[in-house]
C-alpha atoms as a PDB file:
ATOM      1  CA  MET A   1     320.309 102.958 122.479  1.00  0.00           C
ATOM      2  CA  LYS A   2     319.098 106.299 121.454  1.00  0.00           C
ATOM      3  CA  ARG A   3     315.357 106.795 121.089  1.00  0.00           C
ATOM      4  CA  LYS A   4     315.587 107.191 117.305  1.00  0.00           C
ATOM      5  CA  GLN A   5     317.487 103.898 116.965  1.00  0.00           C
ATOM      6  CA  ILE A   6     314.894 102.120 119.105  1.00  0.00           C
ATOM      7  CA  GLU A   7     312.032 103.512 117.008  1.00  0.00           C
ATOM      8  CA  GLU A   8     313.784 102.461 113.766  1.00  0.00           C
ATOM      9  CA  PHE A   9     314.279  98.979 115.165  1.00  0.00           C
ATOM     10  CA  ASP A  10     310.616  98.746 116.238  1.00  0.00           C
ATOM     11  CA  ASP A  11     309.435  99.972 112.835  1.00  0.00           C
ATOM     12  CA  ALA A  12     311.336  97.136 111.139  1.00  0.00           C
ATOM     13  CA  PHE A  13     308.871  94.618 112.655  1.00  0.00           C
ATOM     14  CA  GLU A  14     305.342  95.450 111.527  1.00  0.00           C
ATOM     15  CA  ASP A  15     303.567  92.952 113.767  1.00  0.00           C
ATOM     16  CA  GLY A  16     305.755  93.646 116.793  1.00  0.00           C
ATOM     17  CA  VAL A  17     307.077  90.080 117.000  1.00  0.00           C
ATOM     18  CA  PHE A  18     310.763  89.691 117.809  1.00  0.00           C
ATOM     19  CA  ALA A  19     311.090  85.896 117.698  1.00  0.00           C
ATOM     20  CA  PHE A  20     312.975  83.196 115.866  1.00  0.00           C
ATOM     21  CA  PRO A  21     311.012  80.320 114.363  1.00  0.00           C
ATOM     22  CA  PRO A  22     311.365  77.062 116.283  1.00  0.00           C
ATOM     23  CA  SER A  23     313.761  74.425 115.062  1.00  0.00           C
ATOM     24  CA  PRO A  24     311.907  71.553 113.378  1.00  0.00           C
ATOM     25  CA  SER A  25     314.154  69.076 115.197  1.00  0.00           C
ATOM     26  CA  GLU A  26     313.228  70.381 118.659  1.00  0.00           C
ATOM     27  CA  PRO A  27     310.080  69.207 120.490  1.00  0.00           C
ATOM     28  CA  LYS A  28     307.247  71.690 120.881  1.00  0.00           C
ATOM     29  CA  VAL A  29     306.266  72.797 124.376  1.00  0.00           C
ATOM     30  CA  LYS A  30     302.595  72.803 125.379  1.00  0.00           C
ATOM     31  CA  ILE A  31     302.824  76.312 126.850  1.00  0.00           C
ATOM     32  CA  LYS A  32     299.241  76.678 128.086  1.00  0.00           C
ATOM     33  CA  ALA A  33     299.297  73.345 129.938  1.00  0.00           C
ATOM     34  CA  LEU A  34     302.750  74.133 131.335  1.00  0.00           C
ATOM     35  CA  GLY A  35     301.557  77.506 132.611  1.00  0.00           C
ATOM     36  CA  GLU A  36     298.467  76.027 134.245  1.00  0.00           C
ATOM     37  CA  TYR A  37     300.508  73.286 135.914  1.00  0.00           C
ATOM     38  CA  CYS A  38     303.047  75.760 137.284  1.00  0.00           C
ATOM     39  CA  LYS A  39     300.286  78.038 138.550  1.00  0.00           C
ATOM     40  CA  GLN A  40     298.596  75.130 140.370  1.00  0.00           C
ATOM     41  CA  LYS A  41     301.892  74.020 141.911  1.00  0.00           C
ATOM     42  CA  GLY A  42     303.071  77.565 142.662  1.00  0.00           C
ATOM     43  CA  VAL A  43     306.382  77.027 140.886  1.00  0.00           C
ATOM     44  CA  LEU A  44     308.289  78.392 137.909  1.00  0.00           C
ATOM     45  CA  PRO A  45     308.999  76.232 134.841  1.00  0.00           C
ATOM     46  CA  THR A  46     312.687  76.310 135.758  1.00  0.00           C
ATOM     47  CA  ASP A  47     311.801  74.596 139.053  1.00  0.00           C
ATOM     48  CA  LEU A  48     310.307  71.519 137.352  1.00  0.00           C
ATOM     49  CA  THR A  49     312.130  68.225 137.255  1.00  0.00           C
ATOM     50  CA  ASN A  50     312.979  66.686 133.881  1.00  0.00           C
ATOM     51  CA  GLU A  51     310.236  64.125 134.471  1.00  0.00           C
ATOM     52  CA  GLU A  52     307.641  66.848 135.139  1.00  0.00           C
ATOM     53  CA  MET A  53     308.765  68.817 132.094  1.00  0.00           C
ATOM     54  CA  ARG A  54     308.494  65.806 129.745  1.00  0.00           C
ATOM     55  CA  GLN A  55     304.703  65.787 130.068  1.00  0.00           C
ATOM     56  CA  PHE A  56     304.600  69.169 128.310  1.00  0.00           C
ATOM     57  CA  LEU A  57     306.773  68.198 125.350  1.00  0.00           C
ATOM     58  CA  ASP A  58     305.124  67.265 122.083  1.00  0.00           C
ATOM     59  CA  GLU A  59     307.771  65.214 120.299  1.00  0.00           C
ATOM     60  CA  GLU A  60     305.851  64.305 117.127  1.00  0.00           C
END
């Protein structure tokens, strides 16, 4: 992209957030707890088993 196009794109988002809202049907992930767990274990979230990952899902 050219610099001008990038600046126009950036200006379209006042708060700088480029995200989609979560789907109401999907469980929420407890990000802070997940990050702390991964840091303690020295692993990435992608390295967790399904069982480990389930503890960080809030399926209300």
